[in-house]
């Protein structure tokens, strides 16, 4: 496989399925930047459990039609606030963040203050998986238990409701 496919898939990515530390894959908003994917997570932002502390992550990228075109391992690098890379990446990330409250400077300051993780994912040296070697299954996992799911009672009806034919 060529690195052109990897570069093109990263460049067009807006969302990626990321799995860190062998956990379940999560659909995360990503920002393609310089051949890497930038991911923001933390308080008030998207949840990416285990990603900030991981060394590698498994990433699945979709194509123009929405289907899986590439699965690869990526190296994880956390970008620390106040550094040179932070001052370059964080404002670009804030500018692309949809539905954010406040200015770009306020968002960047809030991320640094609340210990949000800005992570750069770069392709690892391992061979990516692309067509025709992609898995045949959908990759769907069973629904995880959550306290948000509760049994719902049927609505109360005073009179009989006739079925339409």
Protein backbone atom coordinates (compact mmCIF):
# COMPACT_ATOMS: atom_id res chain seq x y z
CA UNK A 1 0.00 0.00 0.00
CA UNK A 2 1.18 3.49 -0.69
CA UNK A 3 1.62 6.29 1.76
CA UNK A 4 -0.47 8.45 -0.60
CA UNK A 5 -3.61 6.63 0.54
CA UNK A 6 -2.73 7.22 4.19
CA UNK A 7 -1.94 10.90 3.55
CA UNK A 8 -5.16 11.43 1.58
CA UNK A 9 -7.33 9.66 4.17
CA UNK A 10 -5.80 11.74 6.98
CA UNK A 11 -6.18 14.97 5.01
CA UNK A 12 -9.90 14.38 4.41
CA UNK A 13 -10.72 13.07 7.90
CA UNK A 14 -13.29 14.93 9.97
CA UNK A 15 -14.15 12.03 12.23
CA UNK A 16 -12.15 8.94 13.11
CA UNK A 17 -12.86 5.80 15.12
CA UNK A 18 -10.11 5.70 17.73
CA UNK A 19 -9.35 2.86 20.13
CA UNK A 20 -6.71 3.34 22.83
CA UNK A 21 -5.35 0.74 25.26
CA UNK A 22 -7.48 -2.00 23.72
CA UNK A 23 -10.69 -0.23 24.71
CA UNK A 24 -13.75 0.17 22.54
CA UNK A 25 -13.47 2.42 19.51
CA UNK A 26 -14.96 5.88 19.91
CA UNK A 27 -16.06 8.18 17.11
CA UNK A 28 -14.02 11.35 17.67
CA UNK A 29 -13.91 14.71 15.93
CA UNK A 30 -10.41 15.22 14.55
CA UNK A 31 -8.52 18.04 12.87
CA UNK A 32 -6.14 17.00 10.09
CA UNK A 33 -2.97 19.07 10.38
CA UNK A 34 0.36 18.46 8.68
CA UNK A 35 -0.09 14.74 8.02
CA UNK A 36 -1.37 14.07 11.54
CA UNK A 37 -4.72 14.08 13.33
CA UNK A 38 -5.28 16.42 16.27
CA UNK A 39 -7.80 15.29 18.90
CA UNK A 40 -9.23 17.40 21.72
CA UNK A 41 -10.73 15.73 24.79
CA UNK A 42 -11.39 16.53 28.41
CA UNK A 43 -13.82 18.41 30.64
CA UNK A 44 -16.47 20.14 28.54
CA UNK A 45 -15.18 18.49 25.37
CA UNK A 46 -15.49 15.04 23.79
CA UNK A 47 -14.58 12.01 25.86
CA UNK A 48 -11.63 9.88 24.76
CA UNK A 49 -10.88 7.54 27.68
CA UNK A 50 -7.25 6.45 27.85
CA UNK A 51 -6.12 8.30 24.73
CA UNK A 52 -4.05 11.02 26.44
CA UNK A 53 -1.95 8.46 28.33
CA UNK A 54 -1.60 5.87 25.56
CA UNK A 55 1.52 5.33 23.44
CA UNK A 56 -0.37 4.06 20.38
CA UNK A 57 -3.95 4.01 19.17
CA UNK A 58 -5.80 2.04 16.54
CA UNK A 59 -7.53 4.38 14.11
CA UNK A 60 -10.15 3.66 11.44
CA UNK A 61 -10.77 6.28 8.76
CA UNK A 62 -13.72 6.52 6.41
CA UNK A 63 -13.83 7.51 2.77
CA UNK A 64 -15.96 9.95 0.80
CA UNK A 65 -18.90 7.54 0.81
CA UNK A 66 -18.74 7.02 4.58
CA UNK A 67 -17.40 3.47 4.47
CA UNK A 68 -14.21 2.22 6.07
CA UNK A 69 -11.20 2.64 3.76
CA UNK A 70 -8.23 2.41 6.11
CA UNK A 71 -7.29 0.99 9.51
CA UNK A 72 -3.90 1.83 10.97
CA UNK A 73 -1.90 2.17 14.14
CA UNK A 74 -0.93 5.70 15.11
CA UNK A 75 1.56 7.06 17.62
CA UNK A 76 0.04 9.25 20.34
CA UNK A 77 1.75 12.45 21.47
CA UNK A 78 0.15 14.73 24.05
CA UNK A 79 0.77 18.41 23.37
CA UNK A 80 1.47 20.30 26.58
CA UNK A 81 0.10 23.81 27.17
CA UNK A 82 2.55 26.68 26.90
CA UNK A 83 4.92 24.97 24.48
CA UNK A 84 5.78 26.05 20.96
CA UNK A 85 3.68 23.28 19.41
CA UNK A 86 0.73 24.23 21.66
CA UNK A 87 0.83 27.86 20.52
CA UNK A 88 0.77 26.68 16.90
CA UNK A 89 -1.84 23.90 17.13
CA UNK A 90 -4.34 25.03 19.81
CA UNK A 91 -5.50 28.24 18.06
CA UNK A 92 -6.09 26.33 14.81
CA UNK A 93 -8.03 23.70 16.71
CA UNK A 94 -10.12 26.36 18.48
CA UNK A 95 -10.88 28.10 15.20
CA UNK A 96 -12.26 24.88 13.70
CA UNK A 97 -14.23 23.90 16.82
CA UNK A 98 -17.95 24.12 16.07
CA UNK A 99 -20.47 25.52 18.56
CA UNK A 100 -17.77 26.73 20.92
CA UNK A 101 -18.49 29.49 23.38
CA UNK A 102 -16.05 32.36 23.60
CA UNK A 103 -13.24 33.56 21.40
CA UNK A 104 -10.33 31.46 20.19
CA UNK A 105 -8.08 32.87 22.92
CA UNK A 106 -10.67 32.14 25.62
CA UNK A 107 -11.06 28.54 24.43
CA UNK A 108 -7.30 27.92 24.39
CA UNK A 109 -6.95 29.41 27.88
CA UNK A 110 -9.84 27.26 29.15
CA UNK A 111 -8.30 24.09 27.70
CA UNK A 112 -4.99 24.83 29.43
CA UNK A 113 -6.73 25.72 32.71
CA UNK A 114 -9.05 22.69 32.83
CA UNK A 115 -6.36 20.20 31.76
CA UNK A 116 -7.99 19.24 28.47
CA UNK A 117 -5.85 16.90 26.38
CA UNK A 118 -4.75 18.00 22.94
CA UNK A 119 -3.25 14.93 21.30
CA UNK A 120 -1.43 14.50 17.99
CA UNK A 121 -1.86 11.15 16.23
CA UNK A 122 0.82 10.37 13.64
CA UNK A 123 0.99 7.21 11.49
CA UNK A 124 3.17 4.51 13.07
CA UNK A 125 5.69 2.43 11.15
CA UNK A 126 3.33 -0.56 10.99
CA UNK A 127 1.61 -1.51 7.75
CA UNK A 128 -1.93 -0.08 7.49
CA UNK A 129 -4.85 -2.26 6.44
CA UNK A 130 -6.75 -1.19 3.33
CA UNK A 131 -8.94 -2.80 0.66
CA UNK A 132 -9.08 -5.68 -0.17
CA UNK A 133 -7.76 -6.76 3.25
CA UNK A 134 -10.31 -4.85 5.36
CA UNK A 135 -12.45 -6.97 7.71
CA UNK A 136 -15.77 -8.21 6.32
CA UNK A 137 -17.71 -7.62 9.52
CA UNK A 138 -19.35 -4.30 10.32
CA UNK A 139 -17.16 -3.75 13.37
CA UNK A 140 -20.26 -3.10 15.45
CA UNK A 141 -20.00 -3.90 19.13
CA UNK A 142 -22.85 -4.84 21.45
CA UNK A 143 -24.47 -1.96 23.29
CA UNK A 144 -22.60 -1.20 26.51
CA UNK A 145 -24.52 -0.97 29.77
CA UNK A 146 -25.17 2.54 30.95
CA UNK A 147 -27.25 4.09 33.72
CA UNK A 148 -28.87 6.30 31.08
CA UNK A 149 -30.91 3.37 29.76
CA UNK A 150 -34.08 2.82 31.77
CA UNK A 151 -37.19 0.83 31.12
CA UNK A 152 -39.94 3.00 29.72
CA UNK A 153 -43.57 2.33 30.54
CA UNK A 154 -46.13 2.28 27.82
CA UNK A 155 -48.05 5.53 27.63
CA UNK A 156 -51.41 5.69 29.37
CA UNK A 157 -54.42 5.60 27.04
CA UNK A 158 -57.85 6.52 28.33
CA UNK A 159 -59.71 5.03 25.36
CA UNK A 160 -58.88 2.25 22.98
CA UNK A 161 -56.81 3.22 20.00
CA UNK A 162 -57.86 1.66 16.73
CA UNK A 163 -55.22 0.35 14.40
CA UNK A 164 -55.19 1.91 10.97
CA UNK A 165 -55.52 -0.44 8.08
